[in-house]
Amino acid sequence: MGSTVLSLRIDGELLDRLRSHAAKRGMSVQDYVARTLIREDFDERFKTAVDETEKFYGAPDAPRDHVRPSAGIA
C-alpha cells in the first residue's frame, strides 16, 4: 500500500491539543492523527457491518446500544 501526503490547515489551539494528546502517548502529531483516523474508519465500517447483518438476519428483540470497538483503547 502506498502513501500520499495530506496537508491540513488547522487552528493553533487544535494543534496544541493534538500535540498534547500525541505527547501523552509518546507519538508524533502525524502518527497520532493517522491512528485516530484509522480507528474512526474502522468504527464506521464495523457499525455498517453490524447494521447490514441486522438487516439480513433481523434486528434483535430488544434494542441495544452498539459498543464502539475502540472503547477503552488509549
C-alpha atoms as a PDB file:
ATOM      1  CA  MET A   1       0.000   0.000   0.000  1.00  0.00           C
ATOM      2  CA  GLY A   2       1.423   3.372  -0.973  1.00  0.00           C
ATOM      3  CA  SER A   3       1.159   6.572   0.927  1.00  0.00           C
ATOM      4  CA  THR A   4       0.007  10.029  -0.056  1.00  0.00           C
ATOM      5  CA  VAL A   5       0.652  13.405   1.513  1.00  0.00           C
ATOM      6  CA  LEU A   6      -2.311  15.222   3.065  1.00  0.00           C
ATOM      7  CA  SER A   7      -1.766  18.834   4.025  1.00  0.00           C
ATOM      8  CA  LEU A   8      -4.121  20.456   6.535  1.00  0.00           C
ATOM      9  CA  ARG A   9      -4.592  23.999   7.718  1.00  0.00           C
ATOM     10  CA  ILE A  10      -5.815  23.857  11.327  1.00  0.00           C
ATOM     11  CA  ASP A  11      -6.379  26.233  14.199  1.00  0.00           C
ATOM     12  CA  GLY A  12      -3.426  26.799  16.542  1.00  0.00           C
ATOM     13  CA  GLU A  13      -5.425  25.724  19.608  1.00  0.00           C
ATOM     14  CA  LEU A  14      -6.387  22.464  17.928  1.00  0.00           C
ATOM     15  CA  LEU A  15      -2.757  21.816  17.007  1.00  0.00           C
ATOM     16  CA  ASP A  16      -1.752  22.421  20.631  1.00  0.00           C
ATOM     17  CA  ARG A  17      -4.359  19.893  21.812  1.00  0.00           C
ATOM     18  CA  LEU A  18      -3.209  17.376  19.207  1.00  0.00           C
ATOM     19  CA  ARG A  19       0.402  17.835  20.329  1.00  0.00           C
ATOM     20  CA  SER A  20      -0.658  17.266  23.933  1.00  0.00           C
ATOM     21  CA  HIS A  21      -2.630  14.101  23.104  1.00  0.00           C
ATOM     22  CA  ALA A  22       0.212  12.773  20.961  1.00  0.00           C
ATOM     23  CA  ALA A  23       2.837  13.528  23.626  1.00  0.00           C
ATOM     24  CA  LYS A  24       0.826  11.629  26.265  1.00  0.00           C
ATOM     25  CA  ARG A  25       1.088   8.576  24.022  1.00  0.00           C
ATOM     26  CA  GLY A  26       4.699   9.143  23.013  1.00  0.00           C
ATOM     27  CA  MET A  27       3.705   9.715  19.400  1.00  0.00           C
ATOM     28  CA  SER A  28       4.255  12.370  16.775  1.00  0.00           C
ATOM     29  CA  VAL A  29       1.259  14.522  15.857  1.00  0.00           C
ATOM     30  CA  GLN A  30       1.278  12.944  12.394  1.00  0.00           C
ATOM     31  CA  ASP A  31       1.165   9.400  13.808  1.00  0.00           C
ATOM     32  CA  TYR A  32      -1.498  10.362  16.360  1.00  0.00           C
ATOM     33  CA  VAL A  33      -3.770  11.904  13.701  1.00  0.00           C
ATOM     34  CA  ALA A  34      -3.288   8.961  11.320  1.00  0.00           C
ATOM     35  CA  ARG A  35      -4.037   6.459  14.113  1.00  0.00           C
ATOM     36  CA  THR A  36      -7.159   8.397  15.105  1.00  0.00           C
ATOM     37  CA  LEU A  37      -8.418   8.465  11.511  1.00  0.00           C
ATOM     38  CA  ILE A  38      -7.740   4.741  11.073  1.00  0.00           C
ATOM     39  CA  ARG A  39      -9.613   3.932  14.298  1.00  0.00           C
ATOM     40  CA  GLU A  40     -12.592   6.113  13.283  1.00  0.00           C
ATOM     41  CA  ASP A  41     -12.690   4.489   9.838  1.00  0.00           C
ATOM     42  CA  PHE A  42     -12.698   1.026  11.459  1.00  0.00           C
ATOM     43  CA  ASP A  43     -15.508   2.055  13.819  1.00  0.00           C
ATOM     44  CA  GLU A  44     -17.635   3.248  10.895  1.00  0.00           C
ATOM     45  CA  ARG A  45     -17.007   0.083   8.871  1.00  0.00           C
ATOM     46  CA  PHE A  46     -17.762  -2.093  11.930  1.00  0.00           C
ATOM     47  CA  LYS A  47     -21.055  -0.282  12.588  1.00  0.00           C
ATOM     48  CA  THR A  48     -22.021  -0.616   8.919  1.00  0.00           C
ATOM     49  CA  ALA A  49     -21.297  -4.352   9.049  1.00  0.00           C
ATOM     50  CA  VAL A  50     -23.418  -4.734  12.206  1.00  0.00           C
ATOM     51  CA  ASP A  51     -26.273  -2.765  10.630  1.00  0.00           C
ATOM     52  CA  GLU A  52     -26.120  -4.862   7.445  1.00  0.00           C
ATOM     53  CA  THR A  53     -26.082  -8.075   9.499  1.00  0.00           C
ATOM     54  CA  GLU A  54     -29.116  -6.920  11.476  1.00  0.00           C
ATOM     55  CA  LYS A  55     -30.933  -6.100   8.223  1.00  0.00           C
ATOM     56  CA  PHE A  56     -30.130  -9.555   6.856  1.00  0.00           C
ATOM     57  CA  TYR A  57     -30.940 -11.583   9.989  1.00  0.00           C
ATOM     58  CA  GLY A  58     -33.409  -9.167  11.564  1.00  0.00           C
ATOM     59  CA  ALA A  59     -32.817  -6.843  14.471  1.00  0.00           C
ATOM     60  CA  PRO A  60     -32.615  -8.323  17.974  1.00  0.00           C
ATOM     61  CA  ASP A  61     -35.839  -8.302  20.016  1.00  0.00           C
ATOM     62  CA  ALA A  62     -34.698  -5.574  22.399  1.00  0.00           C
ATOM     63  CA  PRO A  63     -32.867  -2.518  21.102  1.00  0.00           C
ATOM     64  CA  ARG A  64     -29.231  -2.498  22.193  1.00  0.00           C
ATOM     65  CA  ASP A  65     -26.589   0.151  22.131  1.00  0.00           C
ATOM     66  CA  HIS A  66     -23.734  -0.503  19.744  1.00  0.00           C
ATOM     67  CA  VAL A  67     -20.436  -0.771  21.553  1.00  0.00           C
ATOM     68  CA  ARG A  68     -17.667   1.143  19.838  1.00  0.00           C
ATOM     69  CA  PRO A  69     -14.846  -1.322  19.234  1.00  0.00           C
ATOM     70  CA  SER A  70     -12.319   1.330  20.231  1.00  0.00           C
ATOM     71  CA  ALA A  71     -13.933   1.888  23.627  1.00  0.00           C
ATOM     72  CA  GLY A  72     -11.266   1.765  26.293  1.00  0.00           C
ATOM     73  CA  ILE A  73      -8.355   1.866  23.862  1.00  0.00           C
ATOM     74  CA  ALA A  74      -5.890   4.566  24.816  1.00  0.00           C
END
